[in-house]
N, C-alpha and C. Protein backbone atom coordinates (compact mmCIF):
# COMPACT_ATOMS: atom_id res chain seq x y z
N MET A 1 0.91 -1.11 0.09
CA MET A 1 -0.07 -0.05 0.00
C MET A 1 0.77 1.45 0.02
N THR A 2 0.14 2.11 -0.89
CA THR A 2 1.44 3.71 -1.22
C THR A 2 0.92 4.62 -0.73
N GLU A 3 1.46 5.44 0.13
CA GLU A 3 0.68 6.58 0.75
C GLU A 3 0.33 7.30 -0.15
N TYR A 4 -0.52 8.20 -0.10
CA TYR A 4 -0.91 9.10 -1.33
C TYR A 4 -1.40 10.34 -0.31
N ALA A 5 -1.03 11.60 -1.21
CA ALA A 5 -1.43 13.07 -0.45
C ALA A 5 -1.99 13.52 -1.63
N PRO A 6 -3.47 14.08 -1.54
CA PRO A 6 -3.80 14.80 -2.96
C PRO A 6 -2.92 15.89 -3.07
N THR A 7 -2.86 16.31 -4.39
CA THR A 7 -2.31 17.67 -4.51
C THR A 7 -3.14 19.27 -4.59
N LEU A 8 -2.53 20.17 -4.68
CA LEU A 8 -3.52 21.22 -4.57
C LEU A 8 -4.53 21.29 -5.42
N GLN A 9 -4.38 20.98 -7.15
CA GLN A 9 -5.31 21.23 -7.61
C GLN A 9 -6.60 20.23 -7.84
N GLU A 10 -6.01 19.35 -6.91
CA GLU A 10 -6.78 18.23 -6.83
C GLU A 10 -8.07 18.40 -5.21
N ILE A 11 -7.60 19.26 -4.21
CA ILE A 11 -8.21 19.82 -3.70
C ILE A 11 -9.05 20.70 -4.11
N ILE A 12 -8.81 21.30 -4.77
CA ILE A 12 -9.73 22.95 -5.17
C ILE A 12 -10.56 22.26 -6.05
N ILE A 13 -10.21 21.26 -6.85
CA ILE A 13 -11.44 20.32 -7.95
C ILE A 13 -12.23 20.13 -6.97
N THR A 14 -12.35 19.17 -6.04
CA THR A 14 -13.09 18.47 -5.25
C THR A 14 -14.15 19.46 -4.62
N LEU A 15 -13.36 20.64 -3.82
CA LEU A 15 -14.29 21.81 -3.27
C LEU A 15 -15.27 21.84 -4.23
N GLY A 16 -14.75 22.49 -5.41
CA GLY A 16 -15.80 22.93 -6.81
C GLY A 16 -16.79 21.80 -6.93
N VAL A 17 -16.58 20.43 -6.55
CA VAL A 17 -17.66 19.75 -7.19
C VAL A 17 -18.71 19.67 -5.62
N TYR A 18 -18.13 19.86 -4.79
CA TYR A 18 -19.37 19.49 -3.55
C TYR A 18 -19.82 21.21 -3.37
N ALA A 19 -19.28 21.84 -3.54
CA ALA A 19 -19.99 23.71 -3.84
C ALA A 19 -20.86 23.30 -5.15
N ALA A 20 -20.62 22.80 -6.20
CA ALA A 20 -21.95 22.98 -7.44
C ALA A 20 -22.56 22.25 -6.45
N GLY A 21 -22.83 20.90 -6.14
CA GLY A 21 -23.84 20.15 -5.85
C GLY A 21 -24.42 20.84 -4.32
N PHE A 22 -23.60 21.85 -3.30
CA PHE A 22 -24.66 22.58 -2.48
C PHE A 22 -25.43 23.34 -3.06
N LEU A 23 -25.50 24.14 -4.05
CA LEU A 23 -25.92 25.15 -5.00
C LEU A 23 -27.04 24.42 -5.39
N VAL A 24 -26.82 23.32 -6.24
CA VAL A 24 -28.19 22.75 -6.96
C VAL A 24 -28.78 22.39 -6.06
N LEU A 25 -28.78 21.95 -4.84
CA LEU A 25 -29.53 21.38 -3.24
C LEU A 25 -30.03 22.79 -3.19
N THR A 26 -29.78 23.87 -2.86
CA THR A 26 -30.33 24.96 -2.71
C THR A 26 -31.07 25.21 -3.62
N ILE A 27 -31.15 25.42 -4.65
CA ILE A 27 -32.10 25.96 -5.65
C ILE A 27 -33.39 24.89 -5.43
N LEU A 28 -33.02 23.73 -5.26
CA LEU A 28 -34.19 22.65 -5.62
C LEU A 28 -34.79 23.07 -4.24
N TYR A 29 -34.05 22.85 -3.13
CA TYR A 29 -34.96 23.42 -1.68
C TYR A 29 -36.04 24.66 -1.89
N LYS A 30 -35.25 25.44 -2.58
CA LYS A 30 -36.10 26.96 -2.44
C LYS A 30 -37.12 26.55 -3.33
N LEU A 31 -36.71 26.02 -4.48
CA LEU A 31 -38.20 25.60 -5.37
C LEU A 31 -39.35 24.91 -4.68
N ALA A 32 -38.92 23.80 -4.09
CA ALA A 32 -39.59 23.04 -3.41
C ALA A 32 -40.48 23.86 -2.51
N THR A 33 -40.06 24.32 -1.02
CA THR A 33 -40.52 25.61 -0.59
C THR A 33 -41.74 26.53 -1.05
N GLN A 34 -41.21 27.24 -2.37
CA GLN A 34 -42.11 27.97 -2.98
C GLN A 34 -43.76 27.06 -3.45
N VAL A 35 -42.93 26.09 -4.07
CA VAL A 35 -44.10 25.20 -4.13
C VAL A 35 -45.29 25.02 -3.35
N LYS A 36 -44.49 24.16 -2.44
CA LYS A 36 -45.60 24.01 -0.80
C LYS A 36 -46.15 25.19 -0.66
N GLU A 37 -45.79 26.56 -0.71
CA GLU A 37 -46.82 27.60 -0.15
C GLU A 37 -47.48 27.91 -1.28
N GLU A 38 -47.54 27.64 -2.36
CA GLU A 38 -48.44 27.63 -3.66
C GLU A 38 -49.65 26.81 -3.23
N VAL A 39 -49.21 25.87 -3.02
CA VAL A 39 -50.34 24.61 -2.96
C VAL A 39 -50.80 24.64 -1.66
N GLY A 40 -50.20 24.67 -0.41
CA GLY A 40 -50.80 24.79 0.73
C GLY A 40 -51.49 26.45 1.55
N GLY A 41 -51.54 27.29 0.16
CA GLY A 41 -51.88 28.54 0.54
C GLY A 41 -51.17 29.34 1.51
């Protein structure tokens, strides 16, 4: 088994992927709450 340390570029890409996922989840959550308010009155 070899030791592995990610490079700075790999860390930045990983953070970008997580940030994009969080952005999508936030948008979907906002849409869901707006639809729920419209349906519920």
